[in-house]
């Protein structure tokens, strides 16, 4: 019995020892696991505290960057508050790239990155609401836009196809503009990006200018009449003169080159020949502008000046234009210039500001700052000399041409002194009163901000 008892006690001791070892092992494992967990938590907390202390600026920058990205997607309108501002045209969801007034002065057309072309009535410029007719540029968007002489059609330069497209403007029963439809595309001929386009007021030709040194003269049906090499290293700007006789370009060289596009009595194309050049700037010319009858021009250059020219010369006898005035500008980058149809006002736009000058005296009248997010892309006077329109971001701003009213009054006062008869003098006096009344209605009882100039 004793042997049996001793034999049975051995397994019991072994089992007890095994169980104890297992329990001890479990206790040790739990202790180690808890310690590692605690250390990991402490390390995590320390890292988080260190990161928070070390990178507050980075976190703030990331937060600001996120906010800026939101603004970029949905740009806010700059609040332009100026006595000369007549209205702001809204309707586009992305940047407006080109503008043009119809020859009859009744309409303004705009083209934008959102593939829209919009037709606005100029009679609504002083109203709160601005109605428009919208057309769509199929599978592309327009970078430039120009009306046809009869206001029944227009052309756009296509951004992706780098070609010209013609659109027709339908009519409603009351004769007002109706739907906008695509007509046809010109052949893809330019080897570089199209930067400027234009249509002659007589309807005889269309001009397109590439960023290289090429200008093409087209028929209205899309056939190339002539190719001009400007020899300016690169083109920066080109246009067709309002009189419909000339095409001109500027670029890297410090001059503006003007050609006459010649037709015979039957309306058949003859050739394009050199007319004259504007020489006087010391650096490349950014842009230029004609008055209504092409007897005056204005140019702006990277040399920091704008110039006013008498171009009513006998260029066929090799007579050169006369420089009338030189003015200074404060803009450091690319600039645009616009000369009013009557030749009395010069507007220079740079960065996101515009400056008005009296073209006759070259006196600076007024500067309007912070008008477009991202900068100015186009500006133009209307055909009546009453308004200057600027394009940039999603908006088009319409400004009263106050400088033009003042220049008109000064001109009429001189005419009053030289009036040959009482009847003429009275008529001029009435025109002066009308101009002063219009100016007073724009600025109110005082000249407001403009009085500081």
Protein backbone atom coordinates (compact mmCIF):
# COMPACT_ATOMS: atom_id res chain seq x y z
CA UNK A 1 0.00 0.00 0.00
CA UNK A 2 2.88 2.35 0.86
CA UNK A 3 4.44 1.77 -2.56
CA UNK A 4 1.18 2.44 -4.27
CA UNK A 5 0.72 5.70 -2.25
CA UNK A 6 4.24 6.89 -3.04
CA UNK A 7 3.83 6.04 -6.70
CA UNK A 8 0.55 8.01 -6.95
CA UNK A 9 2.04 11.07 -5.20
CA UNK A 10 4.77 11.54 -7.82
CA UNK A 11 2.41 12.46 -10.69
CA UNK A 12 0.51 14.82 -8.39
CA UNK A 13 3.67 16.71 -7.54
CA UNK A 14 4.62 16.85 -11.19
CA UNK A 15 1.23 18.23 -12.16
CA UNK A 16 1.34 20.85 -9.39
CA UNK A 17 4.79 21.94 -10.46
CA UNK A 18 3.74 22.17 -14.10
CA UNK A 19 0.66 24.22 -13.27
CA UNK A 20 2.72 26.53 -11.10
CA UNK A 21 5.23 27.04 -13.89
CA UNK A 22 2.48 27.86 -16.35
CA UNK A 23 0.91 30.36 -13.96
CA UNK A 24 4.28 31.97 -13.30
CA UNK A 25 4.95 32.20 -17.03
CA UNK A 26 1.59 33.85 -17.61
CA UNK A 27 2.25 36.37 -14.84
CA UNK A 28 5.62 37.22 -16.33
CA UNK A 29 4.16 37.58 -19.84
CA UNK A 30 1.39 39.89 -18.58
CA UNK A 31 3.89 42.00 -16.70
CA UNK A 32 6.12 42.37 -19.75
CA UNK A 33 3.14 43.16 -22.03
CA UNK A 34 1.82 45.84 -19.65
CA UNK A 35 5.28 47.42 -19.41
CA UNK A 36 5.72 47.51 -23.20
CA UNK A 37 2.23 48.92 -23.66
CA UNK A 38 2.89 51.64 -21.11
CA UNK A 39 6.23 52.53 -22.75
CA UNK A 40 4.65 52.64 -26.21
CA UNK A 41 1.91 54.90 -24.90
CA UNK A 42 4.45 57.16 -23.24
CA UNK A 43 6.52 57.29 -26.44
CA UNK A 44 3.40 58.09 -28.45
CA UNK A 45 2.39 60.83 -26.04
CA UNK A 46 5.90 62.26 -26.05
CA UNK A 47 6.03 62.20 -29.86
CA UNK A 48 2.67 63.89 -30.09
CA UNK A 49 3.70 66.59 -27.63
CA UNK A 50 7.01 67.06 -29.43
CA UNK A 51 5.30 67.31 -32.82
CA UNK A 52 2.77 69.76 -31.49
CA UNK A 53 5.47 71.91 -29.95
CA UNK A 54 7.87 71.66 -32.85
CA UNK A 55 5.46 72.21 -35.79
CA UNK A 56 2.88 74.85 -34.81
CA UNK A 57 3.93 77.03 -37.76
CA UNK A 58 3.74 74.11 -40.17
CA UNK A 59 0.26 73.21 -38.93
CA UNK A 60 -0.82 76.83 -39.26
CA UNK A 61 0.62 76.96 -42.80
CA UNK A 62 -1.19 73.77 -43.73
CA UNK A 63 -4.40 75.25 -42.38
CA UNK A 64 -3.86 78.45 -44.35
CA UNK A 65 -2.96 76.47 -47.45
CA UNK A 66 -6.20 74.56 -47.17
CA UNK A 67 -8.13 77.81 -46.89
CA UNK A 68 -6.25 79.27 -49.85
CA UNK A 69 -7.12 76.21 -51.92
CA UNK A 70 -10.76 76.78 -51.16
CA UNK A 71 -10.43 80.40 -52.31
CA UNK A 72 -8.69 79.28 -55.48
CA UNK A 73 -11.54 77.00 -56.40
CA UNK A 74 -14.11 79.68 -55.70
CA UNK A 75 -12.43 83.07 -56.15
CA UNK A 76 -14.10 85.93 -54.38
CA UNK A 77 -14.94 89.17 -56.13
CA UNK A 78 -12.79 92.15 -55.22
CA UNK A 79 -14.99 94.88 -53.83
CA UNK A 80 -14.27 97.75 -56.20
CA UNK A 81 -15.52 100.96 -54.64
CA UNK A 82 -14.76 103.98 -56.78
CA UNK A 83 -16.81 106.99 -57.95
CA UNK A 84 -15.97 106.19 -61.57
CA UNK A 85 -17.30 102.61 -61.43
CA UNK A 86 -20.58 102.33 -63.32
CA UNK A 87 -21.30 98.62 -62.87
CA UNK A 88 -19.89 95.10 -62.75
CA UNK A 89 -21.05 92.41 -65.18
CA UNK A 90 -21.39 88.99 -63.56
CA UNK A 91 -22.33 85.64 -65.00
CA UNK A 92 -19.17 83.67 -65.74
CA UNK A 93 -17.93 80.85 -63.53
CA UNK A 94 -14.27 81.22 -64.59
CA UNK A 95 -11.87 83.81 -65.97
CA UNK A 96 -13.00 86.21 -68.71
CA UNK A 97 -10.29 86.30 -71.40
CA UNK A 98 -11.52 88.62 -74.16
CA UNK A 99 -13.98 91.44 -74.81
CA UNK A 100 -15.20 93.48 -77.80
CA UNK A 101 -17.79 96.18 -78.53
CA UNK A 102 -20.06 95.91 -81.54
CA UNK A 103 -19.47 98.57 -84.24
CA UNK A 104 -22.95 100.02 -83.62
CA UNK A 105 -22.10 100.43 -79.93
CA UNK A 106 -25.14 98.51 -78.70
CA UNK A 107 -23.48 95.36 -77.44
CA UNK A 108 -20.46 94.02 -75.59
CA UNK A 109 -19.35 90.44 -76.12
CA UNK A 110 -17.14 88.43 -73.74
CA UNK A 111 -15.46 85.03 -73.93
CA UNK A 112 -14.26 83.03 -70.92
CA UNK A 113 -12.56 79.83 -69.79
CA UNK A 114 -15.93 78.31 -68.86
CA UNK A 115 -16.60 77.89 -72.63
CA UNK A 116 -19.19 80.66 -72.58
CA UNK A 117 -19.57 83.65 -74.88
CA UNK A 118 -21.95 86.29 -73.54
CA UNK A 119 -23.67 89.14 -75.32
CA UNK A 120 -24.50 92.16 -73.10
CA UNK A 121 -26.54 95.28 -73.90
CA UNK A 122 -24.61 98.52 -73.32
CA UNK A 123 -27.84 100.36 -72.50
CA UNK A 124 -27.96 98.34 -69.24
CA UNK A 125 -24.52 99.42 -68.05
CA UNK A 126 -25.97 101.89 -65.54
CA UNK A 127 -28.68 99.49 -64.35
CA UNK A 128 -28.57 97.09 -61.43
CA UNK A 129 -29.55 94.07 -63.52
CA UNK A 130 -27.59 93.09 -66.61
CA UNK A 131 -29.23 90.65 -69.00
CA UNK A 132 -27.15 88.60 -71.39
CA UNK A 133 -27.45 86.02 -74.15
CA UNK A 134 -25.20 83.01 -73.70
CA UNK A 135 -23.53 80.81 -76.29
CA UNK A 136 -21.28 77.78 -75.83
CA UNK A 137 -17.91 77.13 -77.48
CA UNK A 138 -18.16 73.41 -78.20
CA UNK A 139 -15.31 71.21 -76.91
CA UNK A 140 -13.05 74.25 -76.42
CA UNK A 141 -13.02 77.82 -75.12
CA UNK A 142 -12.28 81.18 -76.69
CA UNK A 143 -9.28 83.35 -75.85
CA UNK A 144 -10.13 86.33 -78.10
CA UNK A 145 -13.41 87.55 -79.60
CA UNK A 146 -14.29 90.13 -82.29
CA UNK A 147 -17.60 91.32 -83.79
CA UNK A 148 -18.32 91.36 -87.50
CA UNK A 149 -19.07 94.81 -88.99
CA UNK A 150 -22.81 94.11 -89.25
CA UNK A 151 -23.02 92.70 -85.68
CA UNK A 152 -24.64 89.55 -87.08
CA UNK A 153 -21.64 87.35 -86.36
CA UNK A 154 -18.37 87.17 -84.46
CA UNK A 155 -15.15 85.16 -84.41
CA UNK A 156 -13.26 83.56 -81.53
CA UNK A 157 -9.77 82.12 -81.33
CA UNK A 158 -9.92 78.59 -79.92
CA UNK A 159 -7.56 77.77 -77.06
CA UNK A 160 -7.06 74.07 -77.74
CA UNK A 161 -7.44 73.90 -81.52
CA UNK A 162 -5.48 77.16 -81.99
CA UNK A 163 -7.76 78.17 -84.87
CA UNK A 164 -10.56 80.65 -85.60
CA UNK A 165 -14.26 79.81 -85.39
CA UNK A 166 -17.14 81.84 -86.78
CA UNK A 167 -20.42 82.17 -84.87
CA UNK A 168 -23.73 83.61 -86.05
CA UNK A 169 -26.11 85.65 -83.92
CA UNK A 170 -29.77 84.92 -84.62
CA UNK A 171 -32.59 87.45 -84.37
CA UNK A 172 -35.81 87.42 -82.41
CA UNK A 173 -39.13 88.61 -83.83
CA UNK A 174 -38.54 92.08 -82.40
CA UNK A 175 -35.15 92.32 -84.13
CA UNK A 176 -33.09 91.90 -80.96
CA UNK A 177 -30.26 89.30 -80.80
CA UNK A 178 -31.35 85.70 -80.39
CA UNK A 179 -29.53 82.38 -80.20
CA UNK A 180 -25.80 81.99 -80.87
CA UNK A 181 -24.80 79.15 -83.21
CA UNK A 182 -21.49 77.87 -84.58
CA UNK A 183 -20.98 78.35 -88.32
CA UNK A 184 -17.56 76.96 -89.34
CA UNK A 185 -13.87 76.75 -88.36
CA UNK A 186 -10.90 78.19 -90.21
CA UNK A 187 -8.06 75.81 -91.14
CA UNK A 188 -5.43 75.16 -88.47
CA UNK A 189 -2.57 77.16 -89.96
CA UNK A 190 -0.72 78.91 -87.11
CA UNK A 191 2.36 77.12 -85.78
CA UNK A 192 2.34 79.14 -82.53
CA UNK A 193 -0.42 80.27 -80.18
CA UNK A 194 -2.83 82.87 -81.55
CA UNK A 195 -2.52 86.00 -79.38
CA UNK A 196 -4.60 88.58 -81.32
CA UNK A 197 -7.42 88.63 -83.86
CA UNK A 198 -9.34 91.33 -85.71
CA UNK A 199 -11.94 92.02 -88.43
CA UNK A 200 -11.81 94.97 -90.84
CA UNK A 201 -14.78 97.32 -90.50
CA UNK A 202 -15.40 97.03 -94.24
CA UNK A 203 -15.64 93.24 -93.86
CA UNK A 204 -12.96 92.57 -96.45
CA UNK A 205 -10.49 90.65 -94.31
CA UNK A 206 -9.76 89.00 -90.98
CA UNK A 207 -6.42 89.14 -89.16
CA UNK A 208 -4.86 86.59 -86.79
CA UNK A 209 -1.49 86.99 -85.08
CA UNK A 210 0.70 84.25 -83.62
CA UNK A 211 3.14 84.52 -80.74
CA UNK A 212 6.03 83.89 -83.16
CA UNK A 213 6.46 86.53 -85.91
CA UNK A 214 3.52 85.53 -88.09
CA UNK A 215 0.41 87.50 -89.02
CA UNK A 216 -2.16 85.94 -91.35
CA UNK A 217 -4.61 87.90 -93.51
CA UNK A 218 -7.75 85.86 -94.27
CA UNK A 219 -10.88 86.19 -96.36
CA UNK A 220 -14.10 86.05 -94.36
CA UNK A 221 -14.51 82.50 -95.69
CA UNK A 222 -11.25 81.27 -94.16
CA UNK A 223 -8.85 81.46 -97.09
CA UNK A 224 -5.36 82.86 -96.49
CA UNK A 225 -4.72 86.03 -98.53
CA UNK A 226 -1.26 86.82 -97.22
CA UNK A 227 1.32 85.94 -94.57
CA UNK A 228 3.30 88.72 -92.90
CA UNK A 229 6.62 88.18 -91.12
CA UNK A 230 6.92 90.98 -88.57
CA UNK A 231 10.68 90.43 -87.98
CA UNK A 232 10.18 91.36 -84.29
CA UNK A 233 11.67 88.16 -82.79
CA UNK A 234 8.26 87.53 -81.24
CA UNK A 235 4.87 89.24 -81.36
CA UNK A 236 3.28 90.60 -78.20
CA UNK A 237 0.19 92.29 -79.67
CA UNK A 238 -1.57 93.01 -82.97
CA UNK A 239 -4.83 94.56 -84.14
CA UNK A 240 -6.82 95.85 -87.11
CA UNK A 241 -7.29 99.63 -87.15
CA UNK A 242 -10.88 100.89 -86.59
CA UNK A 243 -10.84 102.46 -90.07
CA UNK A 244 -10.29 98.99 -91.56
CA UNK A 245 -7.24 99.92 -93.63
CA UNK A 246 -4.33 98.83 -91.44
CA UNK A 247 -2.96 95.92 -89.45
CA UNK A 248 -0.24 96.58 -86.91
CA UNK A 249 1.94 94.61 -84.52
CA UNK A 250 4.42 95.09 -81.68
CA UNK A 251 6.85 92.73 -80.05
CA UNK A 252 10.38 92.40 -78.76
CA UNK A 253 11.69 95.32 -80.81
CA UNK A 254 11.09 98.93 -79.62
CA UNK A 255 8.67 99.91 -82.40
CA UNK A 256 5.17 99.38 -83.76
CA UNK A 257 4.94 98.26 -87.38
CA UNK A 258 1.89 99.20 -89.47
CA UNK A 259 0.87 97.71 -92.84
CA UNK A 260 -1.88 98.74 -95.25
CA UNK A 261 -4.08 95.94 -96.60
CA UNK A 262 -4.88 97.00 -100.19
CA UNK A 263 -7.87 96.10 -102.36
CA UNK A 264 -8.80 97.29 -105.84
CA UNK A 265 -12.00 99.10 -106.83
CA UNK A 266 -13.78 95.79 -107.34
CA UNK A 267 -12.94 94.64 -103.83
CA UNK A 268 -10.31 92.13 -104.88
CA UNK A 269 -7.22 91.75 -102.71
CA UNK A 270 -4.05 93.34 -104.13
CA UNK A 271 -1.34 93.12 -101.46
CA UNK A 272 -0.24 94.11 -97.98
CA UNK A 273 2.47 96.76 -97.90
CA UNK A 274 4.39 98.70 -95.28
CA UNK A 275 2.70 101.94 -94.26
CA UNK A 276 4.67 103.44 -91.33
CA UNK A 277 6.31 102.66 -87.99
CA UNK A 278 6.18 104.20 -84.53
CA UNK A 279 9.79 104.69 -83.45
CA UNK A 280 10.81 106.25 -80.16
CA UNK A 281 10.60 103.67 -77.38
CA UNK A 282 13.86 102.28 -76.02
CA UNK A 283 12.52 98.77 -75.25
CA UNK A 284 9.90 96.32 -76.51
CA UNK A 285 6.34 97.62 -76.97
CA UNK A 286 3.71 95.74 -74.98
CA UNK A 287 0.62 97.02 -76.80
CA UNK A 288 -0.86 99.97 -78.69
CA UNK A 289 -4.20 101.42 -79.74
CA UNK A 290 -5.78 103.51 -82.53
CA UNK A 291 -8.43 106.19 -82.25
CA UNK A 292 -11.57 105.93 -84.39
CA UNK A 293 -10.18 107.30 -87.68
CA UNK A 294 -6.58 106.07 -87.14
CA UNK A 295 -5.25 109.64 -87.06
CA UNK A 296 -3.89 109.08 -83.54
CA UNK A 297 -2.20 106.16 -81.80
CA UNK A 298 -0.99 105.40 -78.28
CA UNK A 299 1.68 102.85 -77.30
CA UNK A 300 3.07 101.50 -74.03
CA UNK A 301 6.50 99.94 -73.57
CA UNK A 302 8.61 98.04 -71.07
CA UNK A 303 10.82 101.17 -70.96
CA UNK A 304 8.26 102.56 -68.46
CA UNK A 305 6.58 105.09 -70.79
CA UNK A 306 3.50 105.50 -72.93
CA UNK A 307 3.53 107.68 -76.05
CA UNK A 308 0.86 109.57 -77.97
CA UNK A 309 1.32 109.86 -81.75
CA UNK A 310 -0.06 111.87 -84.66
CA UNK A 311 -0.43 109.25 -87.42
CA UNK A 312 -2.33 111.48 -89.87
CA UNK A 313 0.67 111.54 -92.20
CA UNK A 314 1.42 110.94 -95.88
CA UNK A 315 3.14 107.64 -95.33
CA UNK A 316 3.10 106.90 -99.06
CA UNK A 317 5.57 109.80 -99.29
CA UNK A 318 7.65 108.24 -96.48
CA UNK A 319 6.42 110.76 -93.92
CA UNK A 320 6.80 109.43 -90.37
CA UNK A 321 4.28 109.86 -87.51
CA UNK A 322 4.83 112.73 -85.08
CA UNK A 323 5.37 112.11 -81.37
CA UNK A 324 3.01 114.42 -79.47
CA UNK A 325 3.47 113.38 -75.83
CA UNK A 326 5.35 110.97 -73.59
CA UNK A 327 4.02 109.91 -70.20
CA UNK A 328 5.41 107.73 -67.44
CA UNK A 329 3.85 104.61 -65.93
CA UNK A 330 4.50 102.93 -62.59
CA UNK A 331 3.73 99.34 -63.62
CA UNK A 332 6.65 96.93 -63.72
CA UNK A 333 5.22 94.08 -65.80
CA UNK A 334 3.17 93.58 -68.94
CA UNK A 335 0.78 96.45 -69.71
CA UNK A 336 -2.21 97.08 -71.94
CA UNK A 337 -3.18 100.45 -73.40
CA UNK A 338 -6.47 101.74 -74.82
CA UNK A 339 -7.09 105.02 -76.66
CA UNK A 340 -10.66 106.34 -76.68
CA UNK A 341 -12.31 106.64 -80.11
CA UNK A 342 -12.19 110.46 -79.93
CA UNK A 343 -8.48 110.33 -79.01
CA UNK A 344 -8.91 112.31 -75.79
CA UNK A 345 -8.35 109.61 -73.15
CA UNK A 346 -5.60 107.06 -72.66
CA UNK A 347 -6.05 104.17 -70.23
CA UNK A 348 -3.06 102.05 -69.21
CA UNK A 349 -3.67 98.79 -67.37
CA UNK A 350 -0.99 96.89 -65.49
CA UNK A 351 -1.07 94.14 -62.85
CA UNK A 352 -4.57 94.62 -61.39
CA UNK A 353 -4.91 98.41 -61.75
CA UNK A 354 -5.74 101.00 -64.41
CA UNK A 355 -4.59 104.60 -64.82
CA UNK A 356 -6.45 107.26 -66.81
CA UNK A 357 -4.47 109.96 -68.66
CA UNK A 358 -5.60 113.04 -70.54
CA UNK A 359 -4.22 112.25 -74.00
CA UNK A 360 -4.07 115.90 -75.03
CA UNK A 361 -2.00 117.11 -72.05
CA UNK A 362 -0.52 113.71 -70.99
CA UNK A 363 -1.65 114.55 -67.42
CA UNK A 364 -2.42 111.62 -65.12
CA UNK A 365 -6.04 111.92 -63.97
CA UNK A 366 -6.79 108.89 -61.82
CA UNK A 367 -5.61 105.41 -60.82
CA UNK A 368 -8.00 102.66 -59.76
CA UNK A 369 -6.29 99.84 -57.84
CA UNK A 370 -7.22 96.25 -57.01
CA UNK A 371 -9.88 95.71 -59.64
CA UNK A 372 -9.25 92.07 -60.67
CA UNK A 373 -7.95 89.01 -58.81
CA UNK A 374 -5.05 87.61 -60.78
CA UNK A 375 -4.55 90.72 -62.90
CA UNK A 376 -6.03 92.52 -65.89
CA UNK A 377 -6.39 90.62 -69.20
CA UNK A 378 -8.20 93.07 -71.50
CA UNK A 379 -9.56 96.62 -71.62
CA UNK A 380 -11.44 98.68 -74.20
CA UNK A 381 -13.38 101.93 -74.62
CA UNK A 382 -16.89 101.77 -76.02
CA UNK A 383 -17.69 103.48 -79.32
CA UNK A 384 -19.37 106.47 -77.62
CA UNK A 385 -16.33 107.35 -75.44
CA UNK A 386 -18.51 107.11 -72.32
CA UNK A 387 -17.12 103.92 -70.79
CA UNK A 388 -13.92 101.96 -70.27
CA UNK A 389 -14.45 98.23 -69.76
CA UNK A 390 -11.89 95.95 -68.07
CA UNK A 391 -11.79 92.15 -67.92
CA UNK A 392 -10.09 89.83 -65.45
CA UNK A 393 -11.05 86.96 -63.11
CA UNK A 394 -14.78 86.18 -63.51
CA UNK A 395 -15.95 89.77 -63.85
CA UNK A 396 -16.12 92.68 -66.23
CA UNK A 397 -15.98 96.17 -64.71
CA UNK A 398 -17.50 99.18 -66.46
CA UNK A 399 -15.98 102.58 -65.59
CA UNK A 400 -17.21 106.05 -66.55
CA UNK A 401 -14.74 107.85 -68.78
CA UNK A 402 -14.56 110.90 -66.51
CA UNK A 403 -11.27 111.95 -68.09
CA UNK A 404 -13.02 112.05 -71.45
CA UNK A 405 -15.75 114.35 -70.15
CA UNK A 406 -13.17 116.72 -68.69
CA UNK A 407 -11.10 116.74 -71.89
CA UNK A 408 -14.27 117.42 -73.90
CA UNK A 409 -15.13 120.39 -71.69
CA UNK A 410 -11.60 121.80 -72.05
CA UNK A 411 -11.79 121.41 -75.83
CA UNK A 412 -15.22 123.07 -76.01
CA UNK A 413 -14.03 126.00 -73.89
CA UNK A 414 -11.29 126.65 -76.44
CA UNK A 415 -13.80 126.40 -79.26
CA UNK A 416 -16.06 128.87 -77.48
CA UNK A 417 -13.25 131.44 -77.42
CA UNK A 418 -12.65 130.99 -81.15
CA UNK A 419 -16.32 130.83 -82.20
CA UNK A 420 -16.80 132.87 -85.42
CA UNK A 421 -20.38 133.90 -84.60
CA UNK A 422 -22.85 134.28 -81.75
CA UNK A 423 -24.91 131.33 -82.95
CA UNK A 424 -21.89 129.02 -82.94
CA UNK A 425 -20.83 130.33 -79.53
CA UNK A 426 -24.27 129.60 -78.06
CA UNK A 427 -24.27 126.11 -79.51
CA UNK A 428 -20.85 125.39 -78.00
CA UNK A 429 -21.97 126.79 -74.63
CA UNK A 430 -24.91 124.39 -74.63
CA UNK A 431 -22.58 121.49 -75.33
CA UNK A 432 -20.41 122.60 -72.41
CA UNK A 433 -23.45 122.68 -70.11
CA UNK A 434 -24.52 119.23 -71.26
CA UNK A 435 -21.03 117.81 -70.65
CA UNK A 436 -20.84 119.40 -67.19
CA UNK A 437 -24.29 118.07 -66.33
CA UNK A 438 -23.30 114.53 -67.31
CA UNK A 439 -20.10 114.80 -65.29
CA UNK A 440 -21.99 116.08 -62.24
CA UNK A 441 -24.47 113.21 -62.43
CA UNK A 442 -21.58 110.72 -62.37
CA UNK A 443 -19.57 112.25 -59.55
CA UNK A 444 -22.31 113.99 -57.58
CA UNK A 445 -21.85 117.41 -56.05
CA UNK A 446 -18.08 116.92 -55.60
CA UNK A 447 -15.37 115.19 -57.54
CA UNK A 448 -14.89 112.71 -54.73
CA UNK A 449 -11.76 110.61 -54.95
CA UNK A 450 -10.83 112.15 -58.29
CA UNK A 451 -10.31 115.58 -56.75
CA UNK A 452 -7.00 114.39 -55.31
CA UNK A 453 -5.40 114.29 -58.75
